[in-house]
N, C-alpha and C. Protein backbone atom coordinates (compact mmCIF):
# COMPACT_ATOMS: atom_id res chain seq x y z
N MET A 1 131.34 54.37 225.64
CA MET A 1 132.07 55.62 224.85
C MET A 1 131.80 54.63 223.72
N ALA A 2 131.11 53.36 223.11
CA ALA A 2 131.68 53.08 221.43
C ALA A 2 129.54 52.82 221.67
N CYS A 3 129.01 53.41 223.22
CA CYS A 3 127.20 53.11 223.12
C CYS A 3 126.94 54.14 223.54
N GLN A 4 128.06 55.53 223.48
CA GLN A 4 127.25 56.18 223.65
C GLN A 4 127.13 57.25 221.83
N LEU A 5 125.85 57.89 222.27
CA LEU A 5 125.49 58.69 221.09
C LEU A 5 126.62 60.29 220.29
N PRO A 6 126.57 60.21 219.45
CA PRO A 6 127.83 61.12 218.91
C PRO A 6 127.42 62.73 218.88
N SER A 7 126.48 62.89 219.03
CA SER A 7 126.12 64.57 219.90
C SER A 7 126.26 64.45 221.39
N ASP A 8 126.49 63.32 222.11
CA ASP A 8 127.35 63.57 223.06
C ASP A 8 128.53 64.30 223.20
N ARG A 9 128.94 63.55 221.80
CA ARG A 9 130.54 64.29 222.50
C ARG A 9 131.12 65.16 221.31
N ASN A 10 130.18 65.17 220.50
CA ASN A 10 130.69 66.41 219.00
C ASN A 10 131.05 65.99 218.36
N LEU A 11 130.72 64.86 217.78
CA LEU A 11 131.05 64.29 216.74
C LEU A 11 130.35 63.71 215.47
N PRO A 12 130.95 63.61 214.13
CA PRO A 12 130.08 63.00 213.30
C PRO A 12 128.37 62.98 213.48
N LEU A 13 127.42 63.08 213.10
CA LEU A 13 125.83 62.35 213.15
C LEU A 13 125.75 60.82 213.46
N SER A 14 126.27 60.29 212.58
CA SER A 14 126.38 59.33 211.23
C SER A 14 126.75 58.09 212.09
N ARG A 15 128.27 58.12 212.72
CA ARG A 15 128.63 56.94 213.10
C ARG A 15 129.82 57.45 214.54
N ILE A 16 129.82 56.40 215.07
CA ILE A 16 131.85 56.67 215.41
C ILE A 16 132.41 55.64 215.22
N SER A 17 133.76 55.74 214.70
CA SER A 17 134.50 55.01 214.04
C SER A 17 135.18 54.65 215.10
N HIS A 18 135.76 53.64 215.14
CA HIS A 18 137.70 53.35 216.15
C HIS A 18 138.15 54.22 216.18
N ALA A 19 138.75 55.07 214.89
CA ALA A 19 139.65 55.78 215.08
C ALA A 19 139.24 57.40 216.14
N ASP A 20 137.64 57.09 215.44
CA ASP A 20 137.06 58.79 216.76
C ASP A 20 137.49 58.11 218.43
N ILE A 21 136.81 57.17 218.46
CA ILE A 21 136.84 56.20 219.66
C ILE A 21 138.29 56.10 220.39
N ALA A 22 139.31 56.06 219.51
CA ALA A 22 140.75 55.94 220.47
C ALA A 22 141.23 57.40 220.64
N ARG A 23 140.52 58.50 219.34
CA ARG A 23 140.74 59.60 219.91
C ARG A 23 140.38 60.56 221.22
N GLU A 24 139.24 60.56 221.12
CA GLU A 24 138.59 60.46 222.26
C GLU A 24 139.15 60.07 223.37
N VAL A 25 139.26 58.18 223.48
CA VAL A 25 139.94 58.04 225.62
C VAL A 25 141.48 58.45 225.58
N VAL A 26 141.91 59.62 224.55
CA VAL A 26 143.12 60.17 224.15
C VAL A 26 142.90 61.43 224.58
N ASN A 27 142.39 61.80 224.44
CA ASN A 27 141.80 63.39 224.72
C ASN A 27 141.67 63.13 225.98
N SER A 28 140.28 62.10 226.56
CA SER A 28 139.63 62.25 227.38
C SER A 28 141.16 61.84 228.85
N GLY A 29 142.26 61.28 228.43
CA GLY A 29 143.03 61.43 229.52
C GLY A 29 142.66 60.06 230.21
N ILE A 30 141.97 58.91 229.18
CA ILE A 30 141.32 57.85 229.89
C ILE A 30 142.30 56.96 229.87
N VAL A 31 143.29 56.62 228.42
CA VAL A 31 144.79 56.06 228.24
C VAL A 31 145.68 57.59 227.60
N ALA A 32 147.06 57.12 227.82
CA ALA A 32 148.37 57.94 226.94
C ALA A 32 147.97 57.56 225.43
N SER A 33 147.76 56.25 225.01
CA SER A 33 147.98 56.49 223.45
C SER A 33 146.93 54.97 223.23
N ILE A 34 147.10 55.07 222.81
CA ILE A 34 145.55 53.51 221.63
C ILE A 34 145.56 53.20 220.34
N SER A 35 145.17 52.49 219.64
CA SER A 35 145.04 51.94 218.49
C SER A 35 143.67 52.36 218.25
N GLY A 36 143.07 52.51 217.11
CA GLY A 36 141.51 52.43 216.56
C GLY A 36 141.95 50.79 216.03
N ALA A 37 142.95 49.86 215.77
CA ALA A 37 143.01 48.73 215.76
C ALA A 37 142.96 47.82 217.31
N THR A 38 143.63 48.27 218.72
CA THR A 38 142.99 47.87 219.10
C THR A 38 141.38 48.10 219.62
N ILE A 39 141.15 49.49 219.44
CA ILE A 39 139.66 49.63 219.88
C ILE A 39 138.82 48.41 219.24
N TRP A 40 139.17 48.12 217.73
CA TRP A 40 138.18 46.86 216.98
C TRP A 40 138.94 45.65 217.21
N ARG A 41 139.34 45.76 218.46
CA ARG A 41 140.30 44.24 219.07
C ARG A 41 139.21 43.53 220.07
N TRP A 42 138.98 44.91 220.99
CA TRP A 42 138.32 45.13 222.50
C TRP A 42 136.80 44.72 221.81
N LEU A 43 136.22 45.28 220.62
CA LEU A 43 135.00 45.36 220.61
C LEU A 43 134.41 44.46 220.30
N ASN A 44 135.62 43.49 218.90
CA ASN A 44 135.05 43.13 217.75
C ASN A 44 134.70 41.53 219.16
N ALA A 45 135.62 41.07 220.44
CA ALA A 45 136.28 40.88 221.44
C ALA A 45 134.52 40.21 222.34
N ASP A 46 133.87 40.99 222.36
CA ASP A 46 132.45 41.73 223.29
C ASP A 46 131.40 40.58 222.65
N ALA A 47 130.78 39.98 223.79
CA ALA A 47 129.47 38.86 223.97
C ALA A 47 128.44 39.72 222.92
N ILE A 48 128.06 40.64 223.97
CA ILE A 48 126.76 41.24 223.57
C ILE A 48 127.36 43.48 223.04
N LYS A 49 126.73 43.23 221.85
CA LYS A 49 127.69 44.88 221.02
C LYS A 49 126.37 45.83 220.36
N PRO A 50 125.98 46.20 222.23
CA PRO A 50 124.99 47.33 221.51
C PRO A 50 125.24 48.95 221.18
N TRP A 51 126.07 48.44 220.77
CA TRP A 51 126.20 49.82 219.97
C TRP A 51 126.19 48.68 218.42
N GLN A 52 125.21 47.67 217.85
CA GLN A 52 125.32 47.66 216.70
C GLN A 52 123.97 47.57 216.36
N TYR A 53 122.82 47.46 215.21
CA TYR A 53 121.66 47.49 215.95
C TYR A 53 121.43 47.00 214.17
N ARG A 54 120.19 46.55 213.87
CA ARG A 54 119.41 46.98 212.83
C ARG A 54 118.17 46.76 212.34
N SER A 55 117.17 47.09 211.25
CA SER A 55 115.89 47.69 211.50
C SER A 55 114.89 46.51 212.23
N TRP A 56 113.83 46.66 212.35
CA TRP A 56 113.37 45.19 212.86
C TRP A 56 111.73 45.73 212.34
N ILE A 57 111.30 44.79 212.12
CA ILE A 57 109.53 45.13 212.10
C ILE A 57 108.78 44.25 212.96
N PHE A 58 108.88 44.48 213.93
CA PHE A 58 108.15 44.04 215.24
C PHE A 58 106.82 42.67 214.44
N PRO A 59 106.77 41.70 214.92
CA PRO A 59 105.65 41.43 214.53
C PRO A 59 104.19 41.35 215.57
N ARG A 60 103.19 42.61 215.29
CA ARG A 60 102.00 42.57 216.12
C ARG A 60 100.34 42.67 215.68
N ASP A 61 100.72 41.54 215.00
CA ASP A 61 99.89 41.03 214.05
C ASP A 61 98.39 39.91 215.03
N PRO A 62 97.59 39.80 215.54
CA PRO A 62 97.54 39.03 216.56
C PRO A 62 96.63 37.67 216.69
N ASN A 63 97.12 37.68 215.01
CA ASN A 63 97.04 36.03 214.04
C ASN A 63 98.31 35.79 213.74
N PHE A 64 99.37 36.13 213.67
CA PHE A 64 100.39 36.11 213.41
C PHE A 64 100.99 34.55 212.53
N CYS A 65 101.16 34.03 213.70
CA CYS A 65 101.41 32.00 213.45
C CYS A 65 100.75 32.14 212.36
N GLU A 66 99.21 32.14 212.67
CA GLU A 66 98.14 31.14 211.14
C GLU A 66 98.85 32.50 210.08
N LYS A 67 98.64 33.09 210.12
CA LYS A 67 99.09 33.50 208.53
C LYS A 67 99.98 33.30 207.75
N ALA A 68 101.65 33.66 208.53
CA ALA A 68 102.82 33.69 208.38
C ALA A 68 102.45 32.04 207.63
N SER A 69 102.43 31.62 208.80
CA SER A 69 101.58 29.26 208.62
C SER A 69 101.43 29.20 207.10
N ARG A 70 100.57 30.13 206.60
CA ARG A 70 100.22 30.20 205.80
C ARG A 70 100.66 29.76 204.10
N VAL A 71 101.59 31.06 204.62
CA VAL A 71 102.45 31.09 203.51
C VAL A 71 103.89 30.57 203.50
N LEU A 72 104.21 30.36 204.35
CA LEU A 72 105.84 29.56 204.47
C LEU A 72 104.80 27.93 204.18
N ASP A 73 103.67 27.36 204.41
CA ASP A 73 103.24 26.43 203.99
C ASP A 73 103.81 25.85 202.05
N LEU A 74 102.79 27.37 202.03
CA LEU A 74 102.37 27.97 199.61
C LEU A 74 103.51 27.48 199.45
N TYR A 75 104.95 28.00 200.25
CA TYR A 75 106.50 28.19 199.34
C TYR A 75 107.43 26.92 199.75
N GLN A 76 106.57 26.26 200.18
CA GLN A 76 106.88 24.97 200.29
C GLN A 76 105.64 23.43 199.73
N GLY A 77 104.66 24.19 199.04
CA GLY A 77 104.15 23.85 198.19
C GLY A 77 102.75 22.96 198.84
N ILE A 78 102.28 23.55 199.87
CA ILE A 78 101.17 22.77 200.18
C ILE A 78 99.93 23.95 201.03
N TRP A 79 99.15 23.41 201.10
CA TRP A 79 97.51 24.13 201.21
C TRP A 79 96.73 23.15 202.02
N ASN A 80 95.88 24.37 202.76
CA ASN A 80 95.87 24.09 204.13
C ASN A 80 96.03 22.17 203.54
N GLY A 81 97.57 22.36 203.82
CA GLY A 81 97.34 20.24 204.85
C GLY A 81 97.52 19.43 203.52
N LYS A 82 97.93 20.05 202.33
CA LYS A 82 97.71 19.20 201.00
C LYS A 82 98.93 18.79 200.47
N ARG A 83 99.74 19.21 199.96
CA ARG A 83 100.01 19.11 198.37
C ARG A 83 99.38 19.98 197.69
N LEU A 84 99.84 20.89 197.33
CA LEU A 84 99.83 21.59 196.04
C LEU A 84 100.51 20.97 195.09
N GLY A 85 98.87 19.99 194.07
CA GLY A 85 98.71 19.92 192.68
C GLY A 85 100.24 20.61 190.90
N PRO A 86 99.93 19.70 189.91
CA PRO A 86 101.10 19.68 189.21
C PRO A 86 100.51 21.50 188.01
N ASN A 87 99.49 21.66 188.67
CA ASN A 87 98.57 22.14 187.60
C ASN A 87 98.11 24.02 188.80
N ASP A 88 99.12 23.90 189.62
CA ASP A 88 98.78 24.65 190.89
C ASP A 88 100.08 26.01 190.58
N TYR A 89 99.90 27.00 191.27
CA TYR A 89 100.76 27.46 191.25
C TYR A 89 100.83 28.69 192.08
N VAL A 90 102.06 29.12 192.93
CA VAL A 90 102.49 30.22 193.90
C VAL A 90 102.96 31.47 192.59
N LEU A 91 102.57 32.68 192.82
CA LEU A 91 103.59 34.10 192.66
C LEU A 91 103.46 34.78 194.24
N SER A 92 104.67 34.97 194.66
CA SER A 92 104.92 35.64 195.28
C SER A 92 105.03 37.73 194.84
N ALA A 93 104.26 38.20 195.04
CA ALA A 93 103.84 40.26 194.17
C ALA A 93 104.63 40.89 195.90
N ASP A 94 104.66 42.52 195.09
CA ASP A 94 105.07 43.46 195.72
C ASP A 94 106.07 44.21 195.27
N GLU A 95 105.43 45.73 195.65
CA GLU A 95 106.04 46.50 194.35
C GLU A 95 107.41 47.74 195.15
N LYS A 96 107.81 48.88 194.84
CA LYS A 96 109.48 49.19 195.04
C LYS A 96 108.66 50.70 194.15
N THR A 97 108.34 51.29 194.78
CA THR A 97 108.16 53.33 195.15
C THR A 97 108.88 53.82 194.78
N SER A 98 108.90 55.17 194.56
CA SER A 98 109.54 56.16 194.14
C SER A 98 111.31 55.74 193.58
N ILE A 99 111.22 55.32 192.86
CA ILE A 99 112.53 55.05 191.91
C ILE A 99 112.83 56.46 190.91
N GLN A 100 114.06 56.33 191.29
CA GLN A 100 114.41 58.03 190.12
C GLN A 100 114.74 57.44 188.63
N ALA A 101 113.76 57.51 187.56
CA ALA A 101 114.25 57.71 186.54
C ALA A 101 115.47 58.18 185.50
N ARG A 102 116.87 58.07 185.55
CA ARG A 102 117.50 58.42 184.84
C ARG A 102 117.67 58.54 183.71
N ASN A 103 117.71 59.14 182.71
CA ASN A 103 118.73 59.38 180.71
C ASN A 103 119.51 60.02 181.12
N ARG A 104 120.80 58.66 181.21
CA ARG A 104 121.84 58.98 180.67
C ARG A 104 122.56 60.19 179.28
N ASN A 105 123.23 60.93 179.64
CA ASN A 105 123.76 62.01 178.87
C ASN A 105 124.52 61.47 177.58
N GLY A 106 125.00 60.84 177.97
CA GLY A 106 125.68 59.58 176.46
C GLY A 106 125.57 58.07 177.07
N ARG A 107 126.39 57.62 175.87
CA ARG A 107 126.66 56.13 175.64
C ARG A 107 127.01 55.17 176.19
N HIS A 108 126.98 54.03 176.51
CA HIS A 108 126.85 53.71 177.41
C HIS A 108 128.84 52.34 176.61
N LEU A 109 129.64 52.07 177.14
CA LEU A 109 130.51 51.49 176.66
C LEU A 109 130.27 50.12 177.22
N ARG A 110 130.26 48.32 176.63
CA ARG A 110 130.11 47.36 176.56
C ARG A 110 131.54 46.89 178.09
N PRO A 111 130.86 45.34 178.17
CA PRO A 111 133.08 45.69 178.70
C PRO A 111 133.59 44.69 178.07
N ALA A 112 134.97 44.76 177.79
CA ALA A 112 136.32 44.07 177.00
C ALA A 112 136.74 42.99 177.70
N PRO A 113 137.33 42.70 177.59
CA PRO A 113 138.43 41.68 178.50
C PRO A 113 139.81 42.62 178.84
N GLY A 114 139.43 42.91 180.67
CA GLY A 114 140.46 43.43 181.38
C GLY A 114 139.74 44.71 181.86
N GLN A 115 138.04 45.04 181.03
CA GLN A 115 137.70 46.18 181.07
C GLN A 115 136.64 46.05 181.34
N CYS A 116 136.04 46.76 182.49
CA CYS A 116 134.53 46.80 183.22
C CYS A 116 133.85 47.55 182.69
N GLN A 117 132.61 47.27 182.84
CA GLN A 117 130.80 47.96 181.57
C GLN A 117 131.21 49.85 181.70
N ARG A 118 131.46 51.07 181.36
CA ARG A 118 131.49 51.55 181.60
C ARG A 118 130.48 52.20 181.02
N ILE A 119 129.59 53.87 181.96
CA ILE A 119 128.29 53.77 182.64
C ILE A 119 128.56 55.46 181.86
N GLU A 120 127.77 56.61 181.66
CA GLU A 120 127.76 57.80 181.55
C GLU A 120 127.49 57.89 182.89
N PHE A 121 128.63 58.82 183.90
CA PHE A 121 127.90 59.76 184.67
C PHE A 121 127.16 60.60 184.94
N GLU A 122 126.74 61.33 183.45
CA GLU A 122 125.95 62.86 184.14
C GLU A 122 124.29 61.81 183.22
N TYR A 123 123.21 63.20 183.82
CA TYR A 123 121.61 62.04 183.30
C TYR A 123 121.66 63.00 183.95
N GLU A 124 119.75 63.30 183.28
CA GLU A 124 118.54 63.71 183.15
C GLU A 124 118.11 63.55 184.03
N ARG A 125 117.20 63.93 184.59
CA ARG A 125 116.36 63.58 185.69
C ARG A 125 114.24 63.01 185.23
N ALA A 126 114.09 62.65 184.89
CA ALA A 126 113.02 61.81 184.36
C ALA A 126 112.00 61.41 185.39
N GLY A 127 111.94 61.64 186.38
CA GLY A 127 110.49 61.96 187.73
C GLY A 127 110.78 60.54 188.29
N ALA A 128 109.90 60.12 189.46
CA ALA A 128 109.63 59.18 189.39
C ALA A 128 109.40 58.21 189.16
N VAL A 129 109.54 56.97 189.12
CA VAL A 129 108.49 55.23 188.84
C VAL A 129 108.00 54.44 189.88
N ALA A 130 107.56 53.84 189.82
CA ALA A 130 107.30 52.54 189.80
C ALA A 130 107.00 51.25 189.82
N TYR A 131 108.38 50.02 190.86
CA TYR A 131 107.92 48.91 189.80
C TYR A 131 107.89 47.95 190.65
N MET A 132 106.48 47.43 190.07
CA MET A 132 105.88 45.77 190.43
C MET A 132 105.81 45.00 190.23
N ALA A 133 106.34 43.43 190.48
CA ALA A 133 106.59 42.49 190.70
C ALA A 133 106.05 41.41 191.26
N ALA A 134 105.60 40.57 190.28
CA ALA A 134 105.21 38.54 190.56
C ALA A 134 106.60 38.09 190.50
N TRP A 135 107.17 37.58 191.53
CA TRP A 135 107.80 36.23 191.70
C TRP A 135 107.01 35.01 191.60
N ASP A 136 107.05 33.56 190.86
CA ASP A 136 106.57 32.71 191.10
C ASP A 136 107.46 31.55 191.41
N VAL A 137 106.96 31.59 192.53
CA VAL A 137 108.15 30.89 194.12
C VAL A 137 108.79 29.92 193.36
N ARG A 138 107.86 28.72 192.87
CA ARG A 138 108.44 27.21 192.59
C ARG A 138 108.68 27.68 191.04
N ARG A 139 108.95 28.50 189.97
CA ARG A 139 109.63 28.53 188.82
C ARG A 139 110.63 29.51 188.21
N ALA A 140 110.77 30.06 189.79
CA ALA A 140 112.07 31.52 189.73
C ALA A 140 111.80 32.04 188.41
N LYS A 141 110.60 32.42 188.27
CA LYS A 141 110.34 33.09 186.42
C LYS A 141 109.95 34.89 187.44
N VAL A 142 110.35 36.19 187.03
CA VAL A 142 109.33 37.32 187.28
C VAL A 142 109.02 37.85 185.48
N PHE A 143 107.88 38.12 186.89
CA PHE A 143 107.29 39.38 185.39
C PHE A 143 107.21 40.26 186.26
N GLY A 144 107.81 41.79 185.56
CA GLY A 144 107.09 42.79 186.11
C GLY A 144 107.00 44.30 185.46
N ILE A 145 106.28 45.23 185.93
CA ILE A 145 105.61 45.89 184.70
C ILE A 145 106.22 48.11 185.59
N CYS A 146 106.59 48.47 184.78
CA CYS A 146 107.26 50.29 185.62
C CYS A 146 105.95 50.97 185.56
N THR A 147 105.19 51.68 186.59
CA THR A 147 104.03 52.13 186.61
C THR A 147 104.51 53.82 187.02
N LYS A 148 103.98 55.25 186.36
CA LYS A 148 103.79 56.17 187.24
C LYS A 148 103.67 55.98 188.53
N SER A 149 102.59 55.41 188.84
CA SER A 149 102.15 55.76 191.10
C SER A 149 102.07 54.23 190.80
N THR A 150 102.10 53.23 192.45
CA THR A 150 101.06 52.15 192.76
C THR A 150 99.60 52.47 192.91
N GLY A 151 98.89 50.88 193.01
CA GLY A 151 97.65 51.38 193.68
C GLY A 151 96.80 50.13 193.12
N ILE A 152 95.71 49.80 192.82
CA ILE A 152 94.65 49.06 192.37
C ILE A 152 95.37 48.82 191.09
N GLU A 153 94.78 49.79 190.26
CA GLU A 153 94.90 49.53 188.80
C GLU A 153 95.91 49.01 188.59
N SER A 154 97.20 50.40 189.01
CA SER A 154 98.25 49.30 188.67
C SER A 154 98.66 47.78 189.45
N TYR A 155 97.91 47.90 189.92
CA TYR A 155 98.51 45.84 190.90
C TYR A 155 96.93 45.04 189.52
N HIS A 156 96.04 46.08 189.03
CA HIS A 156 95.54 44.89 188.58
C HIS A 156 96.57 45.09 186.87
N ARG A 157 97.04 45.90 186.72
CA ARG A 157 97.95 45.49 185.32
C ARG A 157 98.91 44.00 185.26
N LEU A 158 99.34 44.48 186.24
CA LEU A 158 100.18 42.84 187.11
C LEU A 158 100.00 41.98 187.28
N VAL A 159 98.37 41.98 187.31
CA VAL A 159 97.70 40.51 187.51
C VAL A 159 97.62 40.06 185.75
N ASP A 160 96.92 41.09 185.17
CA ASP A 160 96.49 40.79 183.49
C ASP A 160 98.18 40.41 182.89
N LEU A 161 98.58 41.20 183.34
CA LEU A 161 99.55 41.02 182.85
C LEU A 161 100.17 38.90 182.72
N VAL A 162 100.53 38.64 184.28
CA VAL A 162 100.35 37.20 184.67
C VAL A 162 99.23 36.28 184.33
N MET A 163 98.14 36.53 184.65
CA MET A 163 97.07 35.29 184.08
C MET A 163 96.35 35.17 182.64
N ARG A 164 97.22 36.20 182.06
CA ARG A 164 96.48 36.81 180.59
C ARG A 164 97.41 35.52 179.96
N GLN A 165 98.40 34.88 180.19
CA GLN A 165 99.26 33.76 180.12
C GLN A 165 99.31 32.47 180.61
N GLU A 166 99.81 31.31 179.68
CA GLU A 166 99.92 30.08 179.30
C GLU A 166 100.89 30.63 181.03
N PRO A 167 100.98 28.74 182.02
CA PRO A 167 100.51 27.99 182.26
C PRO A 167 99.48 28.74 183.26
N TYR A 168 99.02 30.32 183.61
CA TYR A 168 98.23 31.10 184.58
C TYR A 168 97.23 31.25 184.43
N ARG A 169 96.86 30.76 182.54
CA ARG A 169 95.61 31.17 182.50
C ARG A 169 94.12 29.99 182.37
N SER A 170 94.89 28.38 182.63
CA SER A 170 94.65 28.09 182.17
C SER A 170 94.97 27.07 184.43
N ALA A 171 95.34 27.34 185.20
CA ALA A 171 95.63 26.93 186.04
C ALA A 171 93.99 26.46 187.20
N ASP A 172 94.87 25.27 187.34
CA ASP A 172 93.74 24.27 188.34
C ASP A 172 93.96 25.85 189.61
N ARG A 173 94.30 26.24 190.56
CA ARG A 173 94.66 27.20 191.35
C ARG A 173 96.10 28.42 190.76
N VAL A 174 95.57 29.52 191.03
CA VAL A 174 96.85 30.34 191.16
C VAL A 174 97.20 30.75 192.80
N PHE A 175 98.37 31.12 193.28
CA PHE A 175 97.94 32.07 195.21
C PHE A 175 98.74 33.05 195.04
N TRP A 176 98.32 34.09 195.04
CA TRP A 176 99.16 35.59 194.91
C TRP A 176 99.95 35.92 196.50
N ILE A 177 100.07 35.55 196.04
CA ILE A 177 100.75 36.24 198.27
C ILE A 177 101.39 38.10 198.14
N THR A 178 100.73 38.55 198.87
CA THR A 178 100.99 39.98 199.57
C THR A 178 100.96 40.73 200.38
N ASP A 179 101.19 41.46 200.49
CA ASP A 179 101.57 42.43 202.18
C ASP A 179 100.28 42.68 201.96
N ASN A 180 100.66 43.80 203.32
CA ASN A 180 98.73 44.37 203.26
C ASN A 180 98.60 46.33 203.17
N GLY A 181 99.34 46.34 201.37
CA GLY A 181 99.50 47.67 201.17
C GLY A 181 98.86 48.34 200.10
N SER A 182 98.02 49.22 199.95
CA SER A 182 97.15 50.29 199.41
C SER A 182 96.75 49.02 197.90
N SER A 183 97.96 48.83 197.65
CA SER A 183 97.36 48.00 196.79
C SER A 183 96.07 46.58 196.88
N HIS A 184 97.08 46.26 196.95
CA HIS A 184 95.86 44.76 197.50
C HIS A 184 95.55 44.17 199.35
N ARG A 185 94.78 45.23 200.08
CA ARG A 185 95.18 45.17 201.60
C ARG A 185 93.40 44.80 201.65
N GLY A 186 93.08 44.07 202.32
CA GLY A 186 92.65 43.22 202.93
C GLY A 186 91.55 41.78 202.14
N GLN A 187 90.00 41.87 203.31
CA GLN A 187 89.09 40.98 202.17
C GLN A 187 88.91 41.56 201.28
N THR A 188 88.43 42.96 200.97
CA THR A 188 88.44 43.38 199.53
C THR A 188 89.18 43.06 198.63
N SER A 189 90.67 43.00 199.07
CA SER A 189 91.36 42.75 197.64
C SER A 189 91.03 40.96 197.28
N VAL A 190 90.77 40.64 198.50
CA VAL A 190 90.61 38.95 198.21
C VAL A 190 89.55 38.91 197.11
N MET A 191 88.20 39.46 197.52
CA MET A 191 87.28 39.32 196.33
C MET A 191 87.71 40.31 195.50
N ARG A 192 88.05 41.57 195.32
CA ARG A 192 88.46 41.21 194.01
C ARG A 192 89.60 40.27 193.45
N MET A 193 90.54 39.80 193.65
CA MET A 193 91.49 39.28 193.11
C MET A 193 90.65 38.27 192.55
N THR A 194 88.89 36.99 192.66
CA THR A 194 88.74 35.89 192.40
C THR A 194 87.55 36.77 191.46
N GLN A 195 86.92 37.76 191.30
CA GLN A 195 86.32 38.60 190.15
C GLN A 195 87.50 38.95 189.53
N TRP A 196 88.02 39.65 189.46
CA TRP A 196 89.37 39.42 188.24
C TRP A 196 89.76 37.93 187.36
N TYR A 197 89.90 37.37 187.90
CA TYR A 197 90.24 35.38 187.66
C TYR A 197 89.68 34.95 188.86
N PRO A 198 88.87 33.83 188.89
CA PRO A 198 88.20 32.48 189.62
C PRO A 198 88.97 32.16 189.73
N ASN A 199 90.22 31.16 189.23
CA ASN A 199 91.07 30.08 189.44
C ASN A 199 92.15 30.96 190.94
N ALA A 200 92.23 32.70 190.82
CA ALA A 200 93.62 32.95 191.77
C ALA A 200 93.18 33.46 193.28
N ILE A 201 93.44 33.36 193.90
CA ILE A 201 93.89 32.83 195.53
C ILE A 201 94.84 34.35 195.61
N GLN A 202 94.05 35.10 196.69
CA GLN A 202 94.35 35.50 197.10
C GLN A 202 95.01 35.48 198.93
N VAL A 203 96.88 35.49 198.69
CA VAL A 203 97.17 35.56 200.55
C VAL A 203 97.87 36.23 200.52
N HIS A 204 97.21 37.02 202.11
CA HIS A 204 97.61 37.69 202.68
C HIS A 204 98.98 37.36 203.65
N THR A 205 100.49 38.19 203.39
CA THR A 205 101.41 38.47 205.27
C THR A 205 100.38 38.29 206.18
N PRO A 206 101.02 38.55 207.50
CA PRO A 206 100.40 38.88 208.78
C PRO A 206 100.73 41.11 208.78
N VAL A 207 100.07 41.70 208.72
CA VAL A 207 100.09 42.72 209.03
C VAL A 207 101.40 42.59 209.74
N HIS A 208 101.94 43.69 209.76
CA HIS A 208 103.62 44.73 210.11
C HIS A 208 104.00 43.98 209.79
N ALA A 209 104.52 42.96 208.41
CA ALA A 209 105.79 42.04 208.75
C ALA A 209 105.82 41.45 207.54
N SER A 210 107.90 41.33 207.74
CA SER A 210 108.21 41.11 205.81
C SER A 210 108.02 40.21 205.91
């Protein structure tokens, strides 16, 4: 029963809880009585739990291992089998789209002893924005911008934000690790990055991979 679709028993679509299962087995005449806690203990003891799942991106890039290895090597400070130099840097960049921008209608109250910060509940909608960020994986430093939308120009702004300041401006190499999103897709993006900054090297993760 724990593996059945909720709709099969006219239960709420979101999930079947332990209490739901307990009620169903009693109503179905399987047992005279049982508690949700007992149901939980039985299910928790099972070696295989097919009622549990998580989202998964299945690798389908034919060169997955090769591309993934390059990225993992960079995170360990290695490129083409050689250690990165002290003037080499590694950045991981990505974007989050459609973030709701909200203007609060009242002021916030700061935290105080025995009192957490309080934020006004009511707000006005101010549209949606995108957040683009680059993380220096070896220095634990984050650079970010908010834009109206993603795209090549927005990505260019993020790259400019990083590459126009030290130590990246005068670095020997700055590796930019990105996915294959439309803002920085394919070999064209690799060449474009080099045109923007000759010391910048774009490195893609495998296609359809987290």
